[in-house]
Amino acid sequence: MYGKMKKNIAVILAGGVGSRLGLSTPKQFFKVAGKMVVEHTVEAFERNSHIDEIAIVSNPFYIAEFENMTIRNGWKKVKKILQGGKERYHSSLSAIESYAGTECNLIFHDAVRPLVSQRIINDVVTALDTYQAIDVALPSADTIIEVEGDFICQIPDRSRLRRGQTPQAFDLETIRKAYEIALKDPNFKVTDDCGVVRKYLPEVPIYVVLGEESNMKLTYKEDTYLLDKFFQLRKSELNHEDGSRENFQGKVAVLFGGSYGIGAETADLLEQKGAKVYRFSRSLNRVDVGNRQEVAEALRSVFELEKRIDFVVNTAGILNKEPLITTDYETITRAVQTNYMGTVNVALEAFPYLKESKGKLIFFTSSSYTRGRAFYSIYSSTKAAIVNFVQAIAQEWDSFGIRINCINPERTKTPMRVHNFGIEPENTLLSARQVAEATLLTLASDYTGQVIDVKRDHTL
């Protein structure tokens, strides 16, 4: 058995210069969903309970940037920032040499694969209990052809082909020995670490963990658009470990739309956790989020009493399910004013208070944000706007220490939904309580700029 008592060390390979992407700075520093690509990558390993330590391998010109990044993000597991070299394998060798003599596993991952899932990391670590070398790969959906010049010379069996990803993981002594042999070969040429083991230690089996399409590598300019979309659509992986990070006792929360449904359940849960909660809505105290002045006065009144505001949550929204052409214009403008301008108003007025407290801001979207749907034209388009707005201001306000996220619940049983859809089978809907629980986990997490999916089959 291999790796059971060994430290698992994630090695983030961030030595690239991004020439193929056409950016003035390396691609790992490209910003998406409120953070640099490499920040998302490191945080995936930082929050995985099976990872004991993280080493970042950097281009020598950017070592100071990574040192500052580590301090800024409060990463606890980043213990080494190493200098890489001209070729990819130089970065791997830097980590191998740095940990020489240590009983550990090295888990190499591209800095520009920021959407690696906790499932992939867990499967790789589990496989290290049994195998000395691990790869991550996906089946090929396309037929792969081998050519000589411009002509096909062979068509391999697609069922045996896989598309390689990272992480790639190894028992330290295995990968060290493979490189020791490889570097004596005058014709040494390889593109990844598994290739070194395969060629120079053919007796060592390389186990393959199933990858994911979203675990893509940022390489070309066109990839930036796809990466943006994957971030927008991804299911952020919250769990109860996130909930232990935040002590709600004595915190001050402001809930807009807190009279019923998701808002009321969120307020109740926060109060049960010891937070002081102030609820505002049109029915409770005539506060309309579509009116910036009313939002400002509500927040000011809380601050005057408590001298701080830690959390602001806006669940207020309007859904009128009907064709656009039969919807009266007043209904349209009221929905836009509440759903979208309400989001903008709450963000603008909450900013000074959350800047002071390094607080957290939560908005709500809907599963209909991913595409426009008949009978939902105003609702789904405003919900799509909210997602883009959240991701934009998360990036703008990151330096102020404000964390902003967006909850995306599946169909949820609320009075608003009953009004539009009537009675539906209970087992097809989320409860408002389940969405409220996910909201608290999000408030307890370190995420920012994320769309947090809440589904019936996802146990929180």
Protein backbone atom coordinates (compact mmCIF):
# COMPACT_ATOMS: atom_id res chain seq x y z
CA MET A 1 0.00 0.00 0.00
CA TYR A 2 1.36 3.38 -0.95
CA GLY A 3 0.78 6.85 0.45
CA LYS A 4 -1.45 6.15 3.45
CA MET A 5 0.82 7.78 6.05
CA LYS A 6 2.54 10.18 3.65
CA LYS A 7 1.96 13.88 3.34
CA ASN A 8 0.06 14.89 0.22
CA ILE A 9 1.74 17.92 -1.30
CA ALA A 10 0.04 19.81 -4.12
CA VAL A 11 2.50 21.37 -6.55
CA ILE A 12 0.94 24.21 -8.53
CA LEU A 13 2.86 24.63 -11.77
CA ALA A 14 2.68 28.38 -12.42
CA GLY A 15 5.89 29.02 -14.33
CA GLY A 16 4.31 29.70 -17.73
CA VAL A 17 4.53 33.04 -19.53
CA GLY A 18 1.27 32.76 -21.49
CA SER A 19 2.69 33.52 -24.95
CA ARG A 20 -0.05 31.59 -26.77
CA LEU A 21 -2.77 33.51 -24.95
CA GLY A 22 -1.49 36.81 -26.31
CA LEU A 23 -1.65 38.64 -22.97
CA SER A 24 0.94 41.07 -21.64
CA THR A 25 1.05 39.15 -18.35
CA PRO A 26 1.13 35.35 -17.82
CA LYS A 27 -2.19 33.56 -18.22
CA GLN A 28 -2.29 32.43 -14.58
CA PHE A 29 -2.87 36.09 -13.64
CA PHE A 30 -5.90 36.45 -15.93
CA LYS A 31 -8.94 37.46 -13.85
CA VAL A 32 -12.17 35.49 -13.91
CA ALA A 33 -15.07 35.44 -11.44
CA GLY A 34 -13.46 38.02 -9.18
CA LYS A 35 -10.01 36.42 -8.78
CA MET A 36 -6.89 35.53 -10.72
CA VAL A 37 -6.98 32.09 -12.33
CA VAL A 38 -4.15 30.84 -10.11
CA GLU A 39 -5.97 32.04 -6.98
CA HIS A 40 -8.96 29.85 -7.84
CA THR A 41 -6.56 26.95 -8.48
CA VAL A 42 -4.67 27.26 -5.19
CA GLU A 43 -7.91 27.64 -3.24
CA ALA A 44 -9.25 24.35 -4.64
CA PHE A 45 -6.33 22.57 -2.93
CA GLU A 46 -6.28 24.87 0.10
CA ARG A 47 -9.78 23.80 1.08
CA ASN A 48 -9.33 20.07 0.39
CA SER A 49 -8.92 18.23 3.69
CA HIS A 50 -6.63 15.57 2.12
CA ILE A 51 -4.00 18.10 1.01
CA ASP A 52 -1.39 18.75 3.71
CA GLU A 53 0.80 21.30 1.97
CA ILE A 54 1.01 23.39 -1.20
CA ALA A 55 4.08 24.46 -3.18
CA ILE A 56 3.81 27.01 -5.99
CA VAL A 57 6.42 26.86 -8.75
CA SER A 58 6.80 30.27 -10.35
CA ASN A 59 8.67 32.09 -13.04
CA PRO A 60 11.46 33.86 -11.08
CA PHE A 61 10.12 37.28 -12.08
CA TYR A 62 6.80 36.62 -10.29
CA ILE A 63 7.92 35.06 -7.00
CA ALA A 64 7.25 38.29 -5.09
CA GLU A 65 3.75 38.44 -6.62
CA PHE A 66 3.00 34.94 -5.31
CA GLU A 67 4.37 35.84 -1.88
CA ASN A 68 2.03 38.84 -1.72
CA MET A 69 -0.85 36.73 -3.04
CA THR A 70 -0.32 34.13 -0.31
CA ILE A 71 -0.43 36.77 2.41
CA ARG A 72 -3.40 38.58 0.86
CA ASN A 73 -5.49 35.42 0.64
CA GLY A 74 -4.47 34.06 4.03
CA TRP A 75 -3.49 30.68 2.57
CA LYS A 76 -2.37 28.39 5.38
CA LYS A 77 -1.11 25.44 3.34
CA VAL A 78 1.24 27.30 0.97
CA LYS A 79 4.67 26.54 2.47
CA LYS A 80 6.99 26.97 -0.50
CA ILE A 81 7.22 29.24 -3.53
CA LEU A 82 9.82 27.70 -5.79
CA GLN A 83 11.61 28.91 -8.88
CA GLY A 84 10.77 27.14 -12.12
CA GLY A 85 12.71 26.94 -15.37
CA LYS A 86 12.36 27.34 -19.11
CA GLU A 87 10.59 24.02 -19.74
CA ARG A 88 7.61 22.52 -17.91
CA TYR A 89 9.68 19.61 -16.60
CA HIS A 90 12.08 22.08 -14.97
CA SER A 91 9.19 23.16 -12.73
CA SER A 92 8.46 19.56 -11.81
CA LEU A 93 12.13 18.95 -11.05
CA SER A 94 12.24 22.04 -8.85
CA ALA A 95 9.54 20.54 -6.61
CA ILE A 96 11.10 17.06 -6.70
CA GLU A 97 14.45 18.42 -5.57
CA SER A 98 12.87 20.67 -2.94
CA TYR A 99 11.17 17.71 -1.25
CA ALA A 100 14.05 15.24 -1.66
CA GLY A 101 14.34 13.02 1.38
CA THR A 102 10.75 13.67 2.44
CA GLU A 103 8.27 10.80 2.62
CA CYS A 104 5.44 12.29 0.59
CA ASN A 105 3.27 12.23 -2.50
CA LEU A 106 3.58 15.03 -5.04
CA ILE A 107 0.37 16.07 -6.79
CA PHE A 108 1.25 18.21 -9.81
CA HIS A 109 -1.45 20.52 -11.15
CA ASP A 110 -1.48 23.20 -13.85
CA ALA A 111 -2.05 26.66 -12.38
CA VAL A 112 -4.29 27.41 -15.37
CA ARG A 113 -6.82 24.65 -14.60
CA PRO A 114 -8.78 26.61 -11.96
CA LEU A 115 -11.95 24.50 -12.05
CA VAL A 116 -10.50 21.25 -10.77
CA SER A 117 -13.21 19.73 -8.59
CA GLN A 118 -12.96 18.38 -5.08
CA ARG A 119 -14.13 15.04 -6.49
CA ILE A 120 -11.10 14.81 -8.80
CA ILE A 121 -8.67 15.76 -6.02
CA ASN A 122 -10.27 13.25 -3.64
CA ASP A 123 -10.13 10.45 -6.24
CA VAL A 124 -6.47 11.17 -6.99
CA VAL A 125 -5.53 11.10 -3.30
CA THR A 126 -7.50 7.87 -2.76
CA ALA A 127 -5.75 6.22 -5.72
CA LEU A 128 -2.38 7.09 -4.15
CA ASP A 129 -3.19 4.63 -1.36
CA THR A 130 -2.78 1.86 -3.92
CA TYR A 131 -0.74 3.16 -6.88
CA GLN A 132 2.57 5.01 -7.27
CA ALA A 133 1.53 7.04 -10.33
CA ILE A 134 -1.83 8.64 -11.17
CA ASP A 135 -3.11 10.53 -14.20
CA VAL A 136 -6.44 12.26 -14.83
CA ALA A 137 -8.06 11.91 -18.24
CA LEU A 138 -11.31 12.02 -20.20
CA PRO A 139 -12.56 9.70 -22.97
CA SER A 140 -12.16 11.17 -26.44
CA ALA A 141 -15.46 12.19 -27.99
CA ASP A 142 -13.82 12.68 -31.39
CA THR A 143 -12.11 10.24 -33.69
CA ILE A 144 -8.35 10.82 -33.47
CA ILE A 145 -6.29 10.41 -36.62
CA GLU A 146 -2.55 9.98 -37.04
CA VAL A 147 -1.07 11.68 -40.08
CA GLU A 148 2.09 11.80 -42.15
CA GLY A 149 2.15 15.22 -43.73
CA ASP A 150 -1.41 15.93 -44.88
CA PHE A 151 -2.52 12.30 -45.14
CA ILE A 152 -3.98 9.81 -42.67
CA CYS A 153 -1.64 6.96 -41.88
CA GLN A 154 -3.57 5.43 -38.98
CA ILE A 155 -6.88 5.73 -37.11
CA PRO A 156 -6.48 4.40 -33.54
CA ASP A 157 -9.37 2.74 -31.72
CA ARG A 158 -11.19 5.64 -30.04
CA SER A 159 -12.39 3.46 -27.14
CA ARG A 160 -8.78 3.21 -25.94
CA LEU A 161 -7.96 6.91 -26.24
CA ARG A 162 -8.14 9.50 -23.46
CA ARG A 163 -7.50 13.24 -23.23
CA GLY A 164 -5.02 13.95 -20.47
CA GLN A 165 -5.58 16.56 -17.76
CA THR A 166 -4.04 17.27 -14.37
CA PRO A 167 -3.50 16.64 -11.48
CA GLN A 168 -0.84 14.00 -12.05
CA ALA A 169 0.30 12.44 -8.79
CA PHE A 170 3.23 10.30 -7.71
CA ASP A 171 5.02 8.77 -4.81
CA LEU A 172 8.03 11.10 -4.55
CA GLU A 173 10.63 8.35 -4.94
CA THR A 174 8.89 7.01 -8.06
CA ILE A 175 8.88 10.31 -9.95
CA ARG A 176 12.39 11.18 -8.68
CA LYS A 177 13.77 7.87 -9.98
CA ALA A 178 12.00 8.28 -13.35
CA TYR A 179 13.57 11.70 -13.87
CA GLU A 180 16.98 10.46 -12.73
CA ILE A 181 16.94 7.91 -15.56
CA ALA A 182 15.36 10.32 -18.06
CA LEU A 183 17.99 13.03 -17.60
CA LYS A 184 20.69 10.58 -18.64
CA ASP A 185 18.95 10.07 -22.00
CA PRO A 186 20.48 12.43 -24.61
CA ASN A 187 17.22 12.24 -26.58
CA PHE A 188 15.01 13.05 -23.58
CA LYS A 189 11.80 14.75 -24.72
CA VAL A 190 8.51 14.57 -22.86
CA THR A 191 5.45 16.80 -22.36
CA ASP A 192 4.26 15.67 -18.92
CA ASP A 193 5.31 13.79 -15.81
CA CYS A 194 3.28 10.64 -16.49
CA GLY A 195 5.10 10.43 -19.81
CA VAL A 196 8.42 10.33 -17.94
CA VAL A 197 7.24 7.47 -15.72
CA ARG A 198 5.72 5.59 -18.65
CA LYS A 199 8.90 5.80 -20.73
CA TYR A 200 11.58 5.35 -18.09
CA LEU A 201 9.79 3.20 -15.48
CA PRO A 202 7.54 1.06 -17.70
CA GLU A 203 7.07 -1.48 -14.91
CA VAL A 204 5.13 1.09 -12.83
CA PRO A 205 1.40 1.07 -13.66
CA ILE A 206 -0.20 4.51 -14.09
CA TYR A 207 -3.76 4.55 -12.79
CA VAL A 208 -6.22 6.87 -14.56
CA VAL A 209 -8.82 8.91 -12.64
CA LEU A 210 -11.80 10.18 -14.61
CA GLY A 211 -11.52 13.90 -15.40
CA GLU A 212 -14.20 16.47 -16.18
CA GLU A 213 -14.86 18.75 -19.14
CA SER A 214 -14.86 21.80 -16.86
CA ASN A 215 -11.32 20.95 -15.71
CA MET A 216 -10.07 22.77 -18.80
CA LYS A 217 -6.71 24.40 -19.35
CA LEU A 218 -6.47 28.08 -20.22
CA THR A 219 -4.19 28.07 -23.27
CA TYR A 220 -5.57 30.17 -26.11
CA LYS A 221 -7.44 33.47 -26.19
CA GLU A 222 -10.66 31.69 -27.15
CA ASP A 223 -10.41 29.65 -23.94
CA THR A 224 -11.06 32.78 -21.85
CA TYR A 225 -14.67 32.90 -23.07
CA LEU A 226 -15.24 29.22 -22.32
CA LEU A 227 -13.60 29.55 -18.90
CA ASP A 228 -15.86 32.51 -18.09
CA LYS A 229 -18.91 30.42 -18.99
CA PHE A 230 -17.75 27.40 -16.97
CA PHE A 231 -17.27 29.65 -13.93
CA GLN A 232 -20.69 31.15 -14.48
CA LEU A 233 -22.37 27.75 -14.75
CA ARG A 234 -20.34 25.73 -12.30
CA LYS A 235 -21.80 24.21 -9.18
CA SER A 236 -19.73 25.56 -6.31
CA GLU A 237 -19.02 22.81 -3.83
CA LEU A 238 -20.20 23.88 -0.40
CA ASN A 239 -20.16 21.50 2.55
CA HIS A 240 -20.53 21.56 6.31
CA GLU A 241 -16.80 22.22 6.72
CA ASP A 242 -17.45 25.66 5.22
CA GLY A 243 -20.11 26.25 7.86
CA SER A 244 -17.61 25.86 10.69
CA ARG A 245 -15.51 28.80 9.51
CA GLU A 246 -17.94 31.54 10.45
CA ASN A 247 -19.13 32.37 13.93
CA PHE A 248 -22.47 34.15 13.50
CA GLN A 249 -22.74 35.01 17.19
CA GLY A 250 -23.15 38.78 17.57
CA LYS A 251 -22.88 39.48 13.84
CA VAL A 252 -25.29 42.02 12.36
CA ALA A 253 -27.27 41.00 9.28
CA VAL A 254 -29.68 42.95 7.11
CA LEU A 255 -32.26 40.98 5.09
CA PHE A 256 -34.16 42.59 2.22
CA GLY A 257 -37.23 40.61 1.23
CA GLY A 258 -37.30 39.02 4.66
CA SER A 259 -41.05 38.77 5.25
CA TYR A 260 -41.63 35.26 3.86
CA GLY A 261 -40.11 32.43 1.85
CA ILE A 262 -36.33 32.18 1.46
CA GLY A 263 -35.72 35.56 3.08
CA ALA A 264 -37.70 34.74 6.21
CA GLU A 265 -36.09 31.30 6.58
CA THR A 266 -32.60 32.81 6.16
CA ALA A 267 -33.36 35.44 8.80
CA ASP A 268 -34.67 32.77 11.20
CA LEU A 269 -31.56 30.61 10.76
CA LEU A 270 -29.22 33.54 11.30
CA GLU A 271 -31.07 34.43 14.52
CA GLN A 272 -30.81 30.83 15.69
CA LYS A 273 -27.03 31.04 15.11
CA GLY A 274 -26.82 34.13 17.32
CA ALA A 275 -26.82 36.92 14.72
CA LYS A 276 -28.78 40.15 15.16
CA VAL A 277 -31.06 40.30 12.15
CA TYR A 278 -32.96 43.26 10.71
CA ARG A 279 -35.65 42.47 8.13
CA PHE A 280 -36.95 44.87 5.50
CA SER A 281 -39.60 44.44 2.82
CA ARG A 282 -42.56 46.24 1.29
CA SER A 283 -45.03 44.30 3.42
CA LEU A 284 -43.08 44.50 6.71
CA ASN A 285 -41.97 48.14 6.80
CA ARG A 286 -42.59 49.56 3.33
CA VAL A 287 -39.01 49.29 2.15
CA ASP A 288 -38.82 48.75 -1.61
CA VAL A 289 -35.37 47.70 -2.88
CA GLY A 290 -36.24 49.40 -6.16
CA ASN A 291 -36.10 52.71 -4.30
CA ARG A 292 -32.48 53.57 -3.53
CA GLN A 293 -33.40 56.12 -0.88
CA GLU A 294 -35.47 53.59 1.07
CA VAL A 295 -32.60 51.10 0.93
CA ALA A 296 -30.16 53.77 2.15
CA GLU A 297 -32.41 54.74 5.07
CA ALA A 298 -32.91 51.10 6.09
CA LEU A 299 -29.18 50.41 6.22
CA ARG A 300 -28.44 53.71 7.95
CA SER A 301 -31.00 52.94 10.67
CA VAL A 302 -29.33 49.60 11.41
CA PHE A 303 -25.85 51.10 11.48
CA GLU A 304 -26.94 53.86 13.85
CA LEU A 305 -28.17 51.21 16.28
CA GLU A 306 -25.43 48.59 15.92
CA LYS A 307 -22.41 50.59 14.67
CA ARG A 308 -21.64 47.80 12.19
CA ILE A 309 -23.19 45.64 9.45
CA ASP A 310 -21.55 42.29 8.66
CA PHE A 311 -23.96 40.67 6.20
CA VAL A 312 -26.43 42.02 3.66
CA VAL A 313 -28.76 39.55 1.91
CA ASN A 314 -31.24 40.55 -0.78
CA THR A 315 -33.91 37.96 -1.62
CA ALA A 316 -36.48 40.44 -2.97
CA GLY A 317 -37.72 39.61 -6.46
CA ILE A 318 -40.76 39.65 -8.73
CA LEU A 319 -41.91 36.90 -11.11
CA ASN A 320 -44.81 37.39 -13.50
CA LYS A 321 -45.10 34.35 -15.74
CA GLU A 322 -46.76 35.52 -18.94
CA PRO A 323 -45.91 36.39 -22.56
CA LEU A 324 -44.12 39.70 -23.01
CA ILE A 325 -46.62 41.02 -25.52
CA THR A 326 -49.55 40.65 -23.09
CA THR A 327 -47.68 42.06 -20.06
CA ASP A 328 -48.58 45.64 -19.24
CA TYR A 329 -45.66 48.05 -19.22
CA GLU A 330 -46.06 48.98 -15.57
CA THR A 331 -45.57 45.32 -14.60
CA ILE A 332 -42.44 45.13 -16.76
CA THR A 333 -40.84 48.24 -15.28
CA ARG A 334 -41.72 47.18 -11.72
CA ALA A 335 -40.02 43.79 -12.27
CA VAL A 336 -36.88 45.38 -13.74
CA GLN A 337 -36.80 47.97 -10.97
CA THR A 338 -37.09 45.34 -8.23
CA ASN A 339 -35.04 42.49 -9.68
CA TYR A 340 -32.18 44.39 -11.28
CA MET A 341 -32.13 47.95 -9.97
CA GLY A 342 -32.91 46.56 -6.51
CA THR A 343 -29.69 44.55 -6.75
CA VAL A 344 -27.72 47.61 -7.81
CA ASN A 345 -29.30 49.77 -5.09
CA VAL A 346 -28.53 47.27 -2.32
CA ALA A 347 -24.93 46.87 -3.51
CA LEU A 348 -24.28 50.61 -3.73
CA GLU A 349 -25.78 51.41 -0.34
CA ALA A 350 -24.24 48.39 1.42
CA PHE A 351 -20.73 49.13 0.15
CA PRO A 352 -19.50 51.61 2.81
CA TYR A 353 -20.72 49.41 5.68
CA LEU A 354 -19.31 46.16 4.27
CA LYS A 355 -16.03 47.86 3.39
CA GLU A 356 -15.63 48.79 7.05
CA SER A 357 -16.55 45.33 8.37
CA LYS A 358 -14.96 43.28 5.52
CA GLY A 359 -18.47 41.91 5.21
CA LYS A 360 -20.42 39.68 2.85
CA LEU A 361 -23.16 40.35 0.32
CA ILE A 362 -25.59 37.78 -1.08
CA PHE A 363 -27.92 38.09 -4.06
CA PHE A 364 -30.23 35.57 -5.71
CA THR A 365 -30.52 34.39 -9.27
CA SER A 366 -32.61 31.61 -10.81
CA SER A 367 -31.94 28.50 -12.88
CA SER A 368 -33.56 30.41 -15.76
CA TYR A 369 -30.55 32.75 -15.95
CA THR A 370 -28.66 30.40 -18.29
CA ARG A 371 -31.00 31.00 -21.24
CA GLY A 372 -34.05 33.07 -22.06
CA ARG A 373 -37.34 31.19 -21.82
CA ALA A 374 -40.80 31.88 -23.15
CA PHE A 375 -43.10 33.46 -20.52
CA TYR A 376 -40.00 34.40 -18.46
CA SER A 377 -38.44 37.08 -20.67
CA ILE A 378 -38.17 39.79 -18.01
CA TYR A 379 -37.52 37.48 -15.07
CA SER A 380 -34.83 35.33 -16.73
CA SER A 381 -33.06 38.32 -18.31
CA THR A 382 -32.90 40.21 -15.00
CA LYS A 383 -31.61 37.08 -13.27
CA ALA A 384 -28.88 36.72 -15.91
CA ALA A 385 -27.97 40.37 -15.34
CA ILE A 386 -27.64 39.72 -11.60
CA VAL A 387 -25.06 36.96 -12.22
CA ASN A 388 -22.93 39.19 -14.42
CA PHE A 389 -23.29 42.06 -11.95
CA VAL A 390 -22.17 39.90 -9.01
CA GLN A 391 -19.12 38.60 -10.89
CA ALA A 392 -18.15 42.13 -11.94
CA ILE A 393 -18.38 43.79 -8.54
CA ALA A 394 -16.75 40.80 -6.83
CA GLN A 395 -13.69 41.63 -8.90
CA GLU A 396 -14.02 45.39 -8.35
CA TRP A 397 -14.45 45.08 -4.58
CA ASP A 398 -12.04 42.23 -3.86
CA SER A 399 -9.34 44.66 -2.68
CA PHE A 400 -11.79 46.04 -0.08
CA GLY A 401 -12.22 42.59 1.48
CA ILE A 402 -15.93 42.40 0.54
CA ARG A 403 -17.14 38.96 -0.56
CA ILE A 404 -20.12 38.83 -2.93
CA ASN A 405 -21.89 35.69 -4.12
CA CYS A 406 -25.06 34.66 -5.86
CA ILE A 407 -27.38 31.82 -4.79
CA ASN A 408 -28.97 29.84 -7.64
CA PRO A 409 -31.71 27.59 -6.26
CA GLU A 410 -33.62 25.00 -8.22
CA ARG A 411 -37.38 25.35 -8.23
CA THR A 412 -38.29 26.26 -4.66
CA LYS A 413 -41.63 26.20 -2.88
CA THR A 414 -42.31 29.84 -2.01
CA PRO A 415 -45.48 31.96 -2.05
CA MET A 416 -44.23 33.62 -5.27
CA ARG A 417 -43.91 30.25 -7.00
CA VAL A 418 -47.32 29.05 -5.79
CA HIS A 419 -48.84 32.29 -7.12
CA ASN A 420 -47.41 31.56 -10.60
CA PHE A 421 -47.58 27.76 -10.79
CA GLY A 422 -50.23 26.64 -8.33
CA ILE A 423 -49.82 23.42 -6.37
CA GLU A 424 -46.91 21.20 -7.44
CA PRO A 425 -45.70 17.83 -6.05
CA GLU A 426 -43.66 18.50 -2.90
CA ASN A 427 -40.92 16.05 -3.93
CA THR A 428 -40.15 18.10 -7.07
CA LEU A 429 -39.33 21.29 -5.16
CA LEU A 430 -36.68 22.56 -2.80
CA SER A 431 -37.90 23.93 0.50
CA ALA A 432 -37.15 27.54 1.42
CA ARG A 433 -35.31 26.14 4.46
CA GLN A 434 -32.87 24.19 2.27
CA VAL A 435 -32.04 27.34 0.31
CA ALA A 436 -31.60 29.27 3.57
CA GLU A 437 -29.13 26.63 4.81
CA ALA A 438 -27.11 27.02 1.61
CA THR A 439 -27.18 30.79 2.09
CA LEU A 440 -25.64 30.46 5.56
CA LEU A 441 -22.97 28.10 4.25
CA THR A 442 -22.14 30.67 1.58
CA LEU A 443 -21.91 33.42 4.19
CA ALA A 444 -19.57 31.16 6.15
CA SER A 445 -17.33 30.42 3.16
CA ASP A 446 -14.44 32.38 1.69
CA TYR A 447 -15.99 32.38 -1.79
CA THR A 448 -16.50 35.51 -3.82
CA GLY A 449 -17.88 36.02 -7.30
CA GLN A 450 -19.47 32.55 -7.31
CA VAL A 451 -22.82 31.22 -8.42
CA ILE A 452 -23.82 28.74 -5.70
CA ASP A 453 -26.16 26.07 -7.05
CA VAL A 454 -28.68 24.58 -4.63
CA LYS A 455 -30.25 21.34 -5.82
CA ARG A 456 -32.58 18.77 -4.30
CA ASP A 457 -30.00 15.99 -4.75
CA HIS A 458 -27.20 18.04 -3.15
CA THR A 459 -27.01 17.40 0.59
CA LEU A 460 -25.65 20.39 2.49
